[in-house]
Amino acid sequence: MAKKSASYELMVVISLSKGEEAVQNIWTKIKSLIEKNAELGEVDEWGKRKLAYPINYETDAYYIVAGFTSTPDFPAELDRVLNITDGVLRSMITVTE
């Protein structure tokens, strides 16, 4: 029996310390992982924003919100990859209705 797919939303906060090109490289890596394992939905790039509090002495970061549909086991793998990706300050994956 095939696993039922669900809708998820990913918010990722990427460091600007290595420049805009590094931000795009990190997002390309994340996006290709999602496209390989899930169906990528709407992507909303919020761009450069001020952080509510400094993270690793950084006060600004690049925000991206993306929706995707996948089986329930993929978000855990995506979260694991995001946690070990250099340049990702914070990430959050939520289930959407």
N, C-alpha and C. Protein backbone atom coordinates (compact mmCIF):
# COMPACT_ATOMS: atom_id res chain seq x y z
N MET A 1 0.84 -1.19 0.00
CA MET A 1 0.00 0.00 0.00
C MET A 1 0.88 1.25 0.00
N ALA A 2 0.58 2.19 -0.85
CA ALA A 2 1.37 3.42 -0.96
C ALA A 2 1.08 4.34 0.23
N LYS A 3 2.12 5.02 0.66
CA LYS A 3 1.96 5.97 1.76
C LYS A 3 1.21 7.20 1.26
N LYS A 4 0.33 7.70 2.09
CA LYS A 4 -0.47 8.87 1.74
C LYS A 4 0.42 10.12 1.82
N SER A 5 0.31 10.98 0.83
CA SER A 5 1.11 12.20 0.87
C SER A 5 0.36 13.32 1.59
N ALA A 6 1.13 14.25 2.12
CA ALA A 6 0.57 15.38 2.87
C ALA A 6 1.25 16.66 2.39
N SER A 7 0.63 17.79 2.72
CA SER A 7 1.19 19.09 2.35
C SER A 7 1.99 19.65 3.52
N TYR A 8 3.14 20.23 3.18
CA TYR A 8 4.03 20.80 4.18
C TYR A 8 4.47 22.18 3.76
N GLU A 9 4.91 22.95 4.75
CA GLU A 9 5.48 24.27 4.46
C GLU A 9 6.84 24.34 5.15
N LEU A 10 7.83 24.77 4.39
CA LEU A 10 9.19 24.92 4.90
C LEU A 10 9.53 26.40 4.97
N MET A 11 10.03 26.83 6.13
CA MET A 11 10.60 28.16 6.22
C MET A 11 12.06 27.98 6.55
N VAL A 12 12.91 28.61 5.74
CA VAL A 12 14.35 28.48 5.97
C VAL A 12 14.96 29.88 6.05
N VAL A 13 15.83 30.05 7.04
CA VAL A 13 16.52 31.32 7.28
C VAL A 13 18.00 31.08 6.97
N ILE A 14 18.49 31.74 5.93
CA ILE A 14 19.85 31.50 5.43
C ILE A 14 20.76 32.68 5.77
N SER A 15 21.96 32.35 6.21
CA SER A 15 22.95 33.35 6.58
C SER A 15 23.37 34.19 5.37
N LEU A 16 23.57 35.47 5.59
CA LEU A 16 24.06 36.37 4.54
C LEU A 16 25.57 36.63 4.67
N SER A 17 26.22 35.96 5.62
CA SER A 17 27.64 36.24 5.89
C SER A 17 28.56 35.94 4.72
N LYS A 18 28.18 34.99 3.86
CA LYS A 18 29.03 34.64 2.72
C LYS A 18 28.51 35.25 1.41
N GLY A 19 27.53 36.15 1.50
CA GLY A 19 27.05 36.86 0.32
C GLY A 19 25.81 36.24 -0.32
N GLU A 20 25.22 37.01 -1.24
CA GLU A 20 23.99 36.61 -1.92
C GLU A 20 24.16 35.36 -2.77
N GLU A 21 25.34 35.20 -3.37
CA GLU A 21 25.59 34.03 -4.22
C GLU A 21 25.55 32.74 -3.40
N ALA A 22 26.11 32.78 -2.20
CA ALA A 22 26.09 31.63 -1.30
C ALA A 22 24.65 31.28 -0.91
N VAL A 23 23.82 32.32 -0.69
CA VAL A 23 22.41 32.11 -0.37
C VAL A 23 21.72 31.35 -1.49
N GLN A 24 21.94 31.78 -2.74
CA GLN A 24 21.33 31.12 -3.89
C GLN A 24 21.84 29.69 -4.06
N ASN A 25 23.12 29.45 -3.78
CA ASN A 25 23.67 28.09 -3.86
C ASN A 25 23.03 27.16 -2.84
N ILE A 26 22.83 27.66 -1.62
CA ILE A 26 22.20 26.86 -0.56
C ILE A 26 20.75 26.57 -0.94
N TRP A 27 20.02 27.59 -1.43
CA TRP A 27 18.62 27.40 -1.81
C TRP A 27 18.50 26.43 -2.98
N THR A 28 19.42 26.50 -3.95
CA THR A 28 19.40 25.57 -5.08
C THR A 28 19.57 24.13 -4.60
N LYS A 29 20.46 23.93 -3.63
CA LYS A 29 20.69 22.60 -3.06
C LYS A 29 19.43 22.07 -2.37
N ILE A 30 18.80 22.93 -1.56
CA ILE A 30 17.58 22.54 -0.83
C ILE A 30 16.45 22.25 -1.82
N LYS A 31 16.29 23.14 -2.80
CA LYS A 31 15.22 23.01 -3.79
C LYS A 31 15.36 21.72 -4.60
N SER A 32 16.58 21.37 -5.00
CA SER A 32 16.77 20.15 -5.78
C SER A 32 16.47 18.91 -4.94
N LEU A 33 16.80 18.95 -3.64
CA LEU A 33 16.46 17.84 -2.74
C LEU A 33 14.95 17.67 -2.64
N ILE A 34 14.23 18.79 -2.50
CA ILE A 34 12.77 18.73 -2.42
C ILE A 34 12.20 18.19 -3.73
N GLU A 35 12.67 18.72 -4.87
CA GLU A 35 12.15 18.30 -6.17
C GLU A 35 12.42 16.82 -6.45
N LYS A 36 13.51 16.28 -5.89
CA LYS A 36 13.86 14.88 -6.10
C LYS A 36 12.94 13.95 -5.30
N ASN A 37 12.49 14.42 -4.12
CA ASN A 37 11.73 13.56 -3.20
C ASN A 37 10.27 13.97 -2.99
N ALA A 38 9.88 15.11 -3.50
CA ALA A 38 8.53 15.62 -3.25
C ALA A 38 8.08 16.49 -4.42
N GLU A 39 6.87 17.00 -4.32
CA GLU A 39 6.36 17.91 -5.34
C GLU A 39 6.41 19.32 -4.77
N LEU A 40 7.29 20.14 -5.35
CA LEU A 40 7.46 21.51 -4.86
C LEU A 40 6.28 22.37 -5.28
N GLY A 41 5.74 23.11 -4.32
CA GLY A 41 4.61 23.99 -4.60
C GLY A 41 5.08 25.43 -4.73
N GLU A 42 4.32 26.32 -4.12
CA GLU A 42 4.62 27.75 -4.20
C GLU A 42 5.86 28.10 -3.37
N VAL A 43 6.74 28.92 -3.98
CA VAL A 43 7.94 29.38 -3.28
C VAL A 43 7.82 30.89 -3.12
N ASP A 44 7.96 31.37 -1.90
CA ASP A 44 7.85 32.79 -1.60
C ASP A 44 9.18 33.26 -0.98
N GLU A 45 9.97 33.99 -1.77
CA GLU A 45 11.24 34.50 -1.25
C GLU A 45 10.98 35.84 -0.58
N TRP A 46 11.11 35.87 0.73
CA TRP A 46 10.90 37.11 1.48
C TRP A 46 12.11 38.02 1.36
N GLY A 47 13.25 37.43 1.05
CA GLY A 47 14.47 38.22 0.89
C GLY A 47 15.14 38.54 2.21
N LYS A 48 15.94 39.60 2.19
CA LYS A 48 16.73 39.99 3.36
C LYS A 48 15.82 40.65 4.39
N ARG A 49 15.87 40.13 5.61
CA ARG A 49 15.09 40.67 6.71
C ARG A 49 15.95 40.76 7.97
N LYS A 50 15.56 41.64 8.85
CA LYS A 50 16.24 41.75 10.14
C LYS A 50 15.74 40.64 11.05
N LEU A 51 16.66 39.98 11.74
CA LEU A 51 16.29 38.93 12.68
C LEU A 51 15.75 39.54 13.96
N ALA A 52 14.85 38.83 14.63
CA ALA A 52 14.28 39.31 15.89
C ALA A 52 15.36 39.39 16.97
N TYR A 53 16.33 38.48 16.89
CA TYR A 53 17.46 38.47 17.82
C TYR A 53 18.67 37.93 17.06
N PRO A 54 19.87 38.34 17.44
CA PRO A 54 21.06 37.86 16.71
C PRO A 54 21.24 36.35 16.82
N ILE A 55 21.58 35.72 15.70
CA ILE A 55 21.92 34.29 15.67
C ILE A 55 23.36 34.22 15.18
N ASN A 56 24.23 33.63 15.97
CA ASN A 56 25.67 33.57 15.65
C ASN A 56 26.22 34.95 15.30
N TYR A 57 25.82 35.95 16.06
CA TYR A 57 26.25 37.35 15.90
C TYR A 57 25.76 37.99 14.60
N GLU A 58 24.83 37.36 13.90
CA GLU A 58 24.26 37.94 12.68
C GLU A 58 22.92 38.58 13.01
N THR A 59 22.65 39.75 12.39
CA THR A 59 21.40 40.46 12.66
C THR A 59 20.46 40.44 11.46
N ASP A 60 20.97 40.11 10.27
CA ASP A 60 20.15 40.02 9.06
C ASP A 60 20.29 38.62 8.46
N ALA A 61 19.23 38.17 7.78
CA ALA A 61 19.28 36.86 7.12
C ALA A 61 18.32 36.87 5.93
N TYR A 62 18.39 35.83 5.12
CA TYR A 62 17.55 35.71 3.92
C TYR A 62 16.49 34.66 4.20
N TYR A 63 15.21 35.06 4.05
CA TYR A 63 14.09 34.18 4.37
C TYR A 63 13.47 33.61 3.09
N ILE A 64 13.16 32.30 3.12
CA ILE A 64 12.45 31.66 2.02
C ILE A 64 11.38 30.75 2.62
N VAL A 65 10.15 30.85 2.08
CA VAL A 65 9.06 29.98 2.49
C VAL A 65 8.64 29.17 1.26
N ALA A 66 8.56 27.85 1.41
CA ALA A 66 8.21 26.99 0.28
C ALA A 66 7.22 25.92 0.71
N GLY A 67 6.24 25.70 -0.13
CA GLY A 67 5.28 24.63 0.12
C GLY A 67 5.66 23.40 -0.69
N PHE A 68 5.40 22.22 -0.15
CA PHE A 68 5.65 20.99 -0.90
C PHE A 68 4.72 19.89 -0.43
N THR A 69 4.53 18.89 -1.28
CA THR A 69 3.71 17.73 -0.96
C THR A 69 4.60 16.51 -1.04
N SER A 70 4.57 15.68 0.00
CA SER A 70 5.41 14.48 0.01
C SER A 70 4.82 13.42 0.93
N THR A 71 5.47 12.27 0.94
CA THR A 71 5.10 11.23 1.89
C THR A 71 5.59 11.66 3.28
N PRO A 72 4.99 11.12 4.35
CA PRO A 72 5.34 11.56 5.70
C PRO A 72 6.80 11.33 6.13
N ASP A 73 7.54 10.47 5.44
CA ASP A 73 8.91 10.20 5.86
C ASP A 73 9.93 11.21 5.33
N PHE A 74 9.60 11.95 4.27
CA PHE A 74 10.57 12.90 3.69
C PHE A 74 10.88 14.11 4.57
N PRO A 75 9.90 14.76 5.22
CA PRO A 75 10.23 15.94 6.03
C PRO A 75 11.31 15.70 7.09
N ALA A 76 11.35 14.52 7.68
CA ALA A 76 12.38 14.21 8.68
C ALA A 76 13.77 14.21 8.04
N GLU A 77 13.87 13.64 6.84
CA GLU A 77 15.14 13.62 6.12
C GLU A 77 15.55 15.04 5.71
N LEU A 78 14.58 15.82 5.23
CA LEU A 78 14.85 17.21 4.85
C LEU A 78 15.34 18.00 6.06
N ASP A 79 14.69 17.82 7.20
CA ASP A 79 15.08 18.50 8.43
C ASP A 79 16.51 18.13 8.83
N ARG A 80 16.85 16.84 8.69
CA ARG A 80 18.20 16.38 9.01
C ARG A 80 19.24 17.06 8.13
N VAL A 81 18.94 17.14 6.83
CA VAL A 81 19.86 17.78 5.88
C VAL A 81 20.00 19.27 6.19
N LEU A 82 18.90 19.94 6.48
CA LEU A 82 18.94 21.37 6.81
C LEU A 82 19.78 21.63 8.06
N ASN A 83 19.67 20.75 9.05
CA ASN A 83 20.42 20.93 10.30
C ASN A 83 21.93 20.80 10.12
N ILE A 84 22.37 20.06 9.10
CA ILE A 84 23.81 19.89 8.88
C ILE A 84 24.33 20.76 7.74
N THR A 85 23.44 21.53 7.10
CA THR A 85 23.86 22.40 6.00
C THR A 85 24.46 23.69 6.55
N ASP A 86 25.71 23.95 6.18
CA ASP A 86 26.39 25.15 6.61
C ASP A 86 25.73 26.36 5.95
N GLY A 87 25.38 27.37 6.73
CA GLY A 87 24.74 28.56 6.18
C GLY A 87 23.26 28.65 6.50
N VAL A 88 22.65 27.54 6.90
CA VAL A 88 21.24 27.57 7.31
C VAL A 88 21.21 27.90 8.79
N LEU A 89 20.66 29.08 9.12
CA LEU A 89 20.61 29.51 10.52
C LEU A 89 19.46 28.83 11.26
N ARG A 90 18.28 28.82 10.65
CA ARG A 90 17.09 28.20 11.25
C ARG A 90 16.23 27.63 10.13
N SER A 91 15.48 26.58 10.47
CA SER A 91 14.50 26.05 9.52
C SER A 91 13.34 25.45 10.31
N MET A 92 12.19 25.43 9.68
CA MET A 92 11.01 24.87 10.33
C MET A 92 10.11 24.27 9.26
N ILE A 93 9.68 23.04 9.49
CA ILE A 93 8.77 22.37 8.57
C ILE A 93 7.47 22.13 9.31
N THR A 94 6.36 22.60 8.74
CA THR A 94 5.05 22.42 9.36
C THR A 94 4.10 21.72 8.39
N VAL A 95 3.14 21.01 8.93
CA VAL A 95 2.10 20.36 8.12
C VAL A 95 1.01 21.40 7.85
N THR A 96 0.59 21.50 6.60
CA THR A 96 -0.49 22.42 6.25
C THR A 96 -1.72 21.63 5.85
N GLU A 97 -2.86 22.21 6.01
CA GLU A 97 -4.12 21.53 5.65
C GLU A 97 -4.43 21.72 4.19
